[in-house]
Amino acid sequence: MIQLNLSENQFSHLLKLMYMGEWMLQAHNKDSYNVEVEELEQQLYSVAYNMGLDECADYDKKMGGYVPTEEFEEECDTDINAYDEQTFWEELIVRLADKKLEKKGAKNLSQKEFTSLQEKYITEYEEEFEQFGLDRLSIIK
């Protein structure tokens, strides 16, 4: 058995990491339920509830188990949404730059040329989306 000595603040951070990690595991695949993860969550929320961390965990009589509070979920979801927003733009920009590189014959470029052009295209897309968002993005059929 492993024992940890954590301050209340450290334990709150651990709960947040657990919530976001569980969200990451399940957000893309609703069939990825893991009993061991659920048991760990229950154990950590139980400790939080019994320590008096009312802002983090509560006991749900109907469910018969511990749950994150709405306040705690909202705090975590704010961080998740910020991550999603940043990731969306980064992925969009890199994928568009790579698509443009493919059209320019990326396979025939040296690594130095590839990297140089990729950086150029990434900068162009960053400036475009920073100024116009998705307003000028279209799908051409």
Protein backbone atom coordinates (compact mmCIF):
# COMPACT_ATOMS: atom_id res chain seq x y z
CA MET A 1 0.00 0.00 0.00
CA ILE A 2 1.18 3.48 -0.84
CA GLN A 3 0.69 6.37 1.54
CA LEU A 4 0.93 10.01 0.59
CA ASN A 5 1.17 13.02 2.83
CA LEU A 6 -0.45 15.88 0.96
CA SER A 7 -1.53 19.33 1.97
CA GLU A 8 -5.16 20.23 1.34
CA ASN A 9 -4.05 22.34 -1.61
CA GLN A 10 -2.00 19.49 -3.10
CA PHE A 11 -4.92 17.11 -2.65
CA SER A 12 -7.22 19.57 -4.44
CA HIS A 13 -4.75 19.62 -7.34
CA LEU A 14 -4.67 15.82 -7.35
CA LEU A 15 -8.49 15.73 -7.55
CA LYS A 16 -8.42 18.17 -10.45
CA LEU A 17 -5.82 16.09 -12.27
CA MET A 18 -7.88 12.96 -11.66
CA TYR A 19 -11.07 14.61 -12.95
CA MET A 20 -9.35 15.88 -16.10
CA GLY A 21 -7.51 12.61 -16.68
CA GLU A 22 -10.73 10.63 -16.40
CA TRP A 23 -12.43 13.10 -18.72
CA MET A 24 -9.62 12.68 -21.26
CA LEU A 25 -9.94 8.88 -21.14
CA GLN A 26 -13.71 8.93 -21.61
CA ALA A 27 -14.43 12.02 -23.74
CA HIS A 28 -13.61 10.38 -27.05
CA ASN A 29 -14.98 6.91 -26.28
CA LYS A 30 -18.08 6.44 -24.19
CA ASP A 31 -17.40 2.67 -24.13
CA SER A 32 -14.09 3.09 -22.30
CA TYR A 33 -15.57 2.77 -18.80
CA ASN A 34 -12.98 1.42 -16.40
CA VAL A 35 -14.08 -0.05 -13.06
CA GLU A 36 -10.65 0.50 -11.48
CA VAL A 37 -10.71 4.19 -12.44
CA GLU A 38 -14.22 4.51 -11.02
CA GLU A 39 -13.09 2.89 -7.76
CA LEU A 40 -10.13 5.26 -7.54
CA GLU A 41 -12.39 8.25 -8.17
CA GLN A 42 -14.75 7.10 -5.44
CA GLN A 43 -11.86 6.67 -3.04
CA LEU A 44 -10.45 10.14 -3.74
CA TYR A 45 -13.83 11.88 -3.65
CA SER A 46 -14.59 10.06 -0.40
CA VAL A 47 -11.39 11.37 1.16
CA ALA A 48 -12.19 14.88 -0.07
CA TYR A 49 -15.73 14.73 1.30
CA ASN A 50 -14.62 13.37 4.66
CA MET A 51 -11.82 15.96 4.90
CA GLY A 52 -14.40 18.70 4.54
CA LEU A 53 -13.47 19.76 1.02
CA ASP A 54 -17.10 20.63 0.29
CA GLU A 55 -16.09 22.68 -2.74
CA CYS A 56 -14.72 19.54 -4.42
CA ALA A 57 -16.87 16.54 -3.52
CA ASP A 58 -20.30 15.64 -2.28
CA TYR A 59 -22.17 12.45 -1.46
CA ASP A 60 -25.07 11.56 -3.76
CA LYS A 61 -27.61 9.43 -1.87
CA LYS A 62 -29.50 8.43 -5.04
CA MET A 63 -26.32 7.22 -6.71
CA GLY A 64 -24.92 5.80 -3.51
CA GLY A 65 -21.52 7.29 -4.09
CA TYR A 66 -19.34 10.36 -4.15
CA VAL A 67 -19.46 12.91 -6.93
CA PRO A 68 -17.62 16.08 -7.84
CA THR A 69 -19.51 19.21 -6.94
CA GLU A 70 -20.93 21.41 -9.66
CA GLU A 71 -18.48 24.15 -8.65
CA PHE A 72 -15.54 21.76 -8.94
CA GLU A 73 -16.72 20.44 -12.32
CA GLU A 74 -17.15 23.98 -13.65
CA GLU A 75 -13.62 24.90 -12.55
CA CYS A 76 -12.20 21.81 -14.27
CA ASP A 77 -14.36 22.31 -17.36
CA THR A 78 -13.02 25.87 -17.72
CA ASP A 79 -9.50 24.46 -17.97
CA ILE A 80 -10.63 21.68 -20.32
CA ASN A 81 -12.38 24.20 -22.59
CA ALA A 82 -9.29 26.41 -22.70
CA TYR A 83 -7.21 23.35 -23.63
CA ASP A 84 -9.71 22.34 -26.32
CA GLU A 85 -9.72 25.84 -27.80
CA GLN A 86 -5.93 26.01 -27.96
CA THR A 87 -5.65 22.49 -29.36
CA PHE A 88 -8.27 23.18 -32.03
CA TRP A 89 -6.36 26.15 -33.43
CA GLU A 90 -2.96 24.43 -33.23
CA GLU A 91 -4.23 21.29 -34.98
CA LEU A 92 -6.11 23.23 -37.64
CA ILE A 93 -3.10 25.39 -38.43
CA VAL A 94 -0.59 22.54 -38.58
CA ARG A 95 -2.90 20.36 -40.68
CA LEU A 96 -3.59 23.17 -43.15
CA ALA A 97 0.13 23.96 -43.37
CA ASP A 98 0.94 20.29 -43.96
CA LYS A 99 -1.78 20.05 -46.63
CA LYS A 100 -0.28 23.07 -48.39
CA LEU A 101 3.16 21.44 -48.14
CA GLU A 102 1.86 18.26 -49.76
CA LYS A 103 0.52 20.30 -52.69
CA LYS A 104 3.97 21.88 -53.02
CA GLY A 105 5.61 18.45 -53.26
CA ALA A 106 6.77 17.97 -49.67
CA LYS A 107 8.21 14.55 -50.52
CA ASN A 108 10.76 16.18 -52.78
CA LEU A 109 11.92 18.76 -50.24
CA SER A 110 14.93 18.46 -47.99
CA GLN A 111 14.25 18.43 -44.26
CA LYS A 112 15.53 22.00 -44.04
CA GLU A 113 13.29 23.19 -46.89
CA PHE A 114 10.31 21.31 -45.45
CA THR A 115 10.77 22.83 -41.99
CA SER A 116 11.31 26.31 -43.38
CA LEU A 117 8.17 26.17 -45.54
CA GLN A 118 6.15 24.58 -42.75
CA GLU A 119 7.10 27.39 -40.36
CA LYS A 120 6.21 29.96 -43.04
CA TYR A 121 2.79 28.42 -43.66
CA ILE A 122 2.10 28.03 -39.94
CA THR A 123 2.87 31.72 -39.42
CA GLU A 124 0.58 32.66 -42.33
CA TYR A 125 -2.30 30.61 -40.92
CA GLU A 126 -1.73 31.90 -37.39
CA GLU A 127 -1.96 35.48 -38.64
CA GLU A 128 -5.04 34.67 -40.74
CA PHE A 129 -6.96 33.01 -37.92
CA GLU A 130 -5.85 35.56 -35.35
CA GLN A 131 -7.26 38.34 -37.50
CA PHE A 132 -10.32 36.66 -39.04
CA GLY A 133 -11.05 33.52 -37.02
CA LEU A 134 -13.00 31.09 -39.19
CA ASP A 135 -14.79 33.87 -41.14
CA ARG A 136 -12.77 33.33 -44.33
CA LEU A 137 -12.47 29.57 -44.11
CA SER A 138 -14.55 27.76 -46.76
CA ILE A 139 -15.02 24.30 -48.13
CA ILE A 140 -14.84 24.24 -51.91
CA LYS A 141 -16.63 21.40 -53.68
